[in-house]
Protein backbone atom coordinates (compact mmCIF):
# COMPACT_ATOMS: atom_id res chain seq x y z
CA MET A 1 -9.86 8.97 23.96
CA SER A 2 -6.89 10.62 25.59
CA PRO A 3 -5.76 13.98 24.11
CA SER A 4 -2.34 12.41 23.59
CA THR A 5 -3.64 9.43 21.58
CA LYS A 6 -1.96 8.92 18.23
CA ARG A 7 -4.38 8.25 15.37
CA VAL A 8 -4.13 7.36 11.70
CA LEU A 9 -6.75 7.56 8.97
CA VAL A 10 -7.20 4.58 6.64
CA VAL A 11 -8.83 4.80 3.21
CA GLN A 12 -10.08 1.39 2.06
CA HIS A 13 -11.25 0.89 -1.53
CA ALA A 14 -12.61 -2.67 -1.55
CA GLU A 15 -14.00 -5.09 1.01
CA PRO A 16 -11.19 -7.69 0.89
CA GLU A 17 -8.36 -5.15 0.86
CA ASN A 18 -8.34 -4.10 4.49
CA LEU A 19 -5.35 -3.41 6.71
CA GLY A 20 -4.48 -7.07 7.22
CA ARG A 21 -1.16 -7.29 9.06
CA ILE A 22 -0.86 -3.51 9.11
CA ALA A 23 -3.53 -3.48 11.84
CA GLU A 24 -1.35 -5.63 14.09
CA ALA A 25 1.62 -3.35 13.51
CA VAL A 26 -0.14 -0.04 14.14
CA THR A 27 -1.91 -1.23 17.27
CA GLY A 28 1.40 -2.64 18.48
CA GLU A 29 2.75 0.92 18.25
CA HIS A 30 -0.19 2.15 20.37
CA LEU A 31 -1.95 3.78 17.45
CA GLU A 32 -5.68 4.03 16.94
CA TYR A 33 -7.07 4.05 13.42
CA ALA A 34 -10.30 4.99 11.71
CA CYS A 35 -11.30 3.52 8.35
CA ILE A 36 -13.39 5.18 5.65
CA ARG A 37 -14.84 3.52 2.55
CA PRO A 38 -15.28 5.96 -0.35
CA ASP A 39 -16.34 3.05 -2.57
CA LEU A 40 -19.41 2.75 -0.30
CA GLY A 41 -20.17 6.46 -0.46
CA GLN A 42 -18.40 7.58 2.69
CA PRO A 43 -16.92 11.06 2.14
CA ILE A 44 -13.20 11.81 2.02
CA PRO A 45 -12.29 14.58 4.49
CA SER A 46 -10.56 17.69 3.22
CA ASN A 47 -7.80 17.51 5.83
CA LEU A 48 -6.18 15.23 8.40
CA ASN A 49 -7.07 17.28 11.44
CA GLY A 50 -6.96 14.93 14.41
CA TYR A 51 -4.83 12.36 12.60
CA GLY A 52 -1.07 11.93 12.59
CA GLY A 53 -0.85 9.93 9.35
CA LEU A 54 -2.64 8.44 6.37
CA ILE A 55 -2.82 4.89 4.99
CA LEU A 56 -4.14 4.33 1.46
CA MET A 57 -5.06 0.73 0.71
CA GLY A 58 -5.35 -1.18 -2.55
CA GLY A 59 -8.38 -1.72 -4.77
CA PRO A 60 -9.56 -2.43 -8.31
CA GLN A 61 -9.80 1.25 -9.26
CA SER A 62 -7.19 3.10 -11.33
CA VAL A 63 -5.93 6.56 -10.42
CA TYR A 64 -6.86 7.90 -13.87
CA GLN A 65 -10.52 6.81 -13.52
CA GLU A 66 -11.67 9.99 -11.78
CA ASP A 67 -14.77 10.25 -14.00
CA GLN A 68 -15.85 6.78 -12.90
CA PHE A 69 -14.72 7.20 -9.29
CA PRO A 70 -14.99 10.93 -8.46
CA TYR A 71 -13.83 10.39 -4.89
CA LEU A 72 -10.33 9.83 -6.23
CA ARG A 73 -10.01 13.60 -6.70
CA ALA A 74 -10.76 14.21 -3.02
CA GLU A 75 -8.42 11.40 -2.03
CA LYS A 76 -5.56 12.91 -4.01
CA ALA A 77 -6.25 16.29 -2.40
CA LEU A 78 -6.15 14.68 1.06
CA THR A 79 -2.87 12.98 0.18
CA ALA A 80 -1.42 16.31 -0.91
CA HIS A 81 -2.53 17.79 2.41
CA ALA A 82 -0.77 14.99 4.26
CA ILE A 83 2.46 15.75 2.43
CA THR A 84 2.31 19.51 2.90
CA SER A 85 1.50 19.06 6.59
CA ASP A 86 4.32 16.48 6.93
CA ARG A 87 2.09 13.64 8.15
CA PRO A 88 3.43 10.25 7.11
CA VAL A 89 1.68 8.39 4.32
CA LEU A 90 1.74 4.67 3.55
CA GLY A 91 0.29 3.65 0.19
CA ILE A 92 -0.31 0.01 -0.73
CA CYS A 93 -0.82 -1.00 -4.39
CA LEU A 94 -3.53 1.46 -5.58
CA GLY A 95 -2.60 3.60 -2.59
CA SER A 96 1.00 3.75 -3.78
CA GLN A 97 -0.21 4.77 -7.24
CA ILE A 98 -2.24 7.62 -5.74
CA LEU A 99 0.76 8.80 -3.72
CA ALA A 100 3.03 8.48 -6.76
CA GLU A 101 0.76 10.65 -8.90
CA VAL A 102 0.43 13.29 -6.18
CA LEU A 103 4.23 13.40 -6.00
CA GLY A 104 4.47 14.06 -9.73
CA SER A 105 4.81 10.59 -11.23
CA ARG A 106 3.00 9.17 -14.25
CA VAL A 107 0.73 6.18 -13.60
CA GLN A 108 -0.19 3.99 -16.56
CA PRO A 109 -1.08 0.37 -17.41
CA GLY A 110 1.84 -2.02 -17.16
CA ARG A 111 3.10 -4.38 -19.84
CA ALA A 112 1.08 -7.19 -18.30
CA PHE A 113 -1.11 -7.83 -15.28
CA GLU A 114 1.29 -8.79 -12.47
CA LEU A 115 -0.35 -11.24 -10.11
CA GLY A 116 1.05 -14.04 -7.97
CA TRP A 117 4.13 -14.79 -5.90
CA LYS A 118 7.01 -13.03 -7.64
CA LYS A 119 10.49 -12.00 -6.55
CA VAL A 120 11.26 -8.41 -5.63
CA THR A 121 14.91 -7.40 -5.34
CA LEU A 122 15.22 -4.50 -2.94
CA SER A 123 17.24 -1.49 -4.01
CA PRO A 124 20.53 -0.77 -2.21
CA ARG A 125 19.37 2.85 -2.14
CA VAL A 126 16.96 1.99 0.69
CA ALA A 127 19.37 -0.25 2.59
CA ASP A 128 19.64 2.33 5.38
CA ASP A 129 16.08 3.63 5.15
CA PRO A 130 14.44 3.85 8.62
CA VAL A 131 11.35 1.97 7.40
CA LEU A 132 12.50 -0.28 4.57
CA GLY A 133 16.13 -0.93 5.45
CA ARG A 134 17.63 -3.97 7.15
CA THR A 135 14.80 -6.32 6.22
CA SER A 136 15.91 -8.53 3.32
CA ASP A 137 17.63 -8.11 -0.02
CA VAL A 138 15.02 -10.28 -1.74
CA LEU A 139 11.34 -10.85 -1.00
CA MET A 140 8.75 -13.12 -2.62
CA PRO A 141 5.55 -11.17 -1.97
CA LEU A 142 2.08 -11.25 -3.46
CA HIS A 143 1.54 -9.03 -6.51
CA TRP A 144 -1.90 -7.96 -7.72
CA HIS A 145 -1.79 -4.95 -10.03
CA GLY A 146 -2.21 -3.88 -13.62
CA ASP A 147 -0.95 -0.30 -13.32
CA VAL A 148 2.62 0.85 -12.75
CA TYR A 149 4.38 4.18 -12.25
CA ASP A 150 7.65 5.97 -12.80
CA LEU A 151 9.80 6.82 -9.81
CA PRO A 152 8.42 10.07 -8.34
CA PRO A 153 10.87 12.99 -8.47
CA GLY A 154 13.14 13.08 -5.43
CA SER A 155 12.20 9.55 -4.31
CA GLU A 156 14.30 6.47 -3.69
CA PRO A 157 13.23 3.19 -5.33
CA VAL A 158 12.08 0.34 -3.10
CA GLY A 159 13.02 -2.37 -5.54
CA SER A 160 12.09 -4.12 -8.77
CA SER A 161 10.61 -7.34 -10.13
CA GLU A 162 11.26 -8.99 -13.47
CA LEU A 163 8.16 -7.32 -14.92
CA THR A 164 8.07 -4.00 -13.04
CA PRO A 165 11.14 -1.76 -12.61
CA VAL A 166 9.59 0.41 -9.87
CA GLN A 167 7.94 -1.67 -7.16
CA GLY A 168 7.64 1.22 -4.73
CA PHE A 169 9.38 4.31 -3.42
CA ALA A 170 10.39 6.24 -0.34
CA PHE A 171 10.07 10.04 -0.28
CA ARG A 172 11.73 12.15 2.43
CA LYS A 173 11.72 9.11 4.74
CA ARG A 174 8.11 9.96 5.60
CA PHE A 175 6.05 8.93 2.58
CA TYR A 176 6.11 5.35 1.32
CA GLY A 177 4.50 3.63 -1.63
CA ILE A 178 4.63 -0.16 -1.94
CA LEU A 179 3.17 -1.69 -5.09
CA PHE A 180 3.31 -5.29 -3.87
CA HIS A 181 1.53 -6.76 -0.84
CA LEU A 182 3.26 -7.43 2.47
CA GLU A 183 0.07 -6.94 4.47
CA THR A 184 -1.99 -9.81 3.11
CA THR A 185 -3.31 -12.57 5.38
CA LEU A 186 -4.64 -15.91 4.21
CA ASN A 187 -8.23 -14.85 4.87
CA GLN A 188 -7.67 -11.72 2.80
CA LEU A 189 -6.19 -13.67 -0.07
CA VAL A 190 -9.09 -16.10 -0.13
CA ALA A 191 -11.50 -13.15 -0.16
CA MET A 192 -9.58 -11.42 -2.98
CA VAL A 193 -9.63 -14.57 -5.11
CA LYS A 194 -13.40 -14.79 -4.64
CA ALA A 195 -13.96 -11.06 -5.27
CA PHE A 196 -11.71 -10.71 -8.32
CA PRO A 197 -11.65 -14.07 -10.17
CA GLU A 198 -11.25 -12.29 -13.51
CA ASP A 199 -7.89 -10.91 -12.36
CA VAL A 200 -6.64 -14.41 -11.58
CA SER A 201 -7.70 -15.64 -15.01
CA ARG A 202 -6.20 -12.56 -16.67
CA ALA A 203 -2.84 -13.43 -15.14
CA GLY A 204 -3.04 -16.96 -16.51
CA LEU A 205 -3.40 -18.52 -13.06
CA THR A 206 -5.98 -20.54 -11.18
CA ALA A 207 -7.23 -19.94 -7.66
CA GLU A 208 -5.84 -23.31 -6.64
CA ALA A 209 -2.37 -22.53 -7.96
CA LEU A 210 -2.32 -19.20 -6.12
CA LEU A 211 -3.63 -20.56 -2.84
CA VAL A 212 -1.54 -23.71 -2.64
CA GLU A 213 1.62 -21.64 -2.13
CA ALA A 214 -0.02 -19.16 0.21
CA PRO A 215 0.63 -20.64 3.68
CA ALA A 216 4.39 -20.94 3.20
CA ARG A 217 4.72 -17.64 1.34
CA LEU A 218 2.69 -15.69 3.87
CA ALA A 219 4.56 -17.22 6.79
CA ALA A 220 7.87 -16.09 5.28
CA LEU A 221 6.50 -12.56 4.77
CA ARG A 222 5.03 -12.14 8.22
CA GLU A 223 8.05 -10.80 10.12
CA PRO A 224 9.48 -8.61 7.30
CA GLY A 225 6.02 -7.14 6.73
CA LEU A 226 5.32 -6.47 10.38
CA GLU A 227 8.74 -4.87 10.82
CA VAL A 228 8.20 -2.48 7.89
CA PHE A 229 4.74 -1.51 9.10
CA ARG A 230 5.87 -1.08 12.71
CA ARG A 231 8.66 1.24 11.61
CA TRP A 232 6.26 3.30 9.53
CA ALA A 233 3.79 3.47 12.43
CA SER A 234 6.58 4.72 14.71
CA LEU A 235 6.77 7.87 12.53
CA ILE A 236 3.30 8.98 13.61
CA SER A 237 3.09 11.91 16.01
CA VAL A 238 0.22 13.06 18.19
CA GLN A 239 -2.08 15.49 16.36
């Protein structure tokens, strides 16, 4: 590896919830990435030495389940290190909840389990954001979460859905939490439906109903998602 290579660390919490389209975006920006799986017993490092940024993926865990998942404490400490060392962070779903808590927000169960293809109206406050701006005023992404959070202090809201007022946030134009899923591929979605069938039932849906819309929905999300992830990846510096 060249000394000038840009690298990002990825924390993955469940087998189906990998980088998906994010991988295409980061490699397109000439980034290398390494993935660790704390859910499989792989340790969380104490710092990001050697990495220019951090990506926190989704998963079935909740940020307040530290007793059940002790590695969450180390993951929050690593996220705090990323912020204090000014290394960009991208949090997806659970990852956004971890980032939100580290930034001082309260994470708690939502009014209902939000799962399926649901409209997100983007906030005008991120219209000129270097990562989130100039994409679309309205998206119809995949949702798959039971927990929600308040807007972290000093952050700008990404947007809202009918059920969830805060669907993500941008902090200092370096740290981004996205509660919904722009990264999902069809293979990922099929794997998530198989891995978490109780979530689908909990939301009052069937696997067939969720999957029948998937090809068209995912095709429409491809370019907006890739653009957001490319812009975030462009923030990474050599470390």
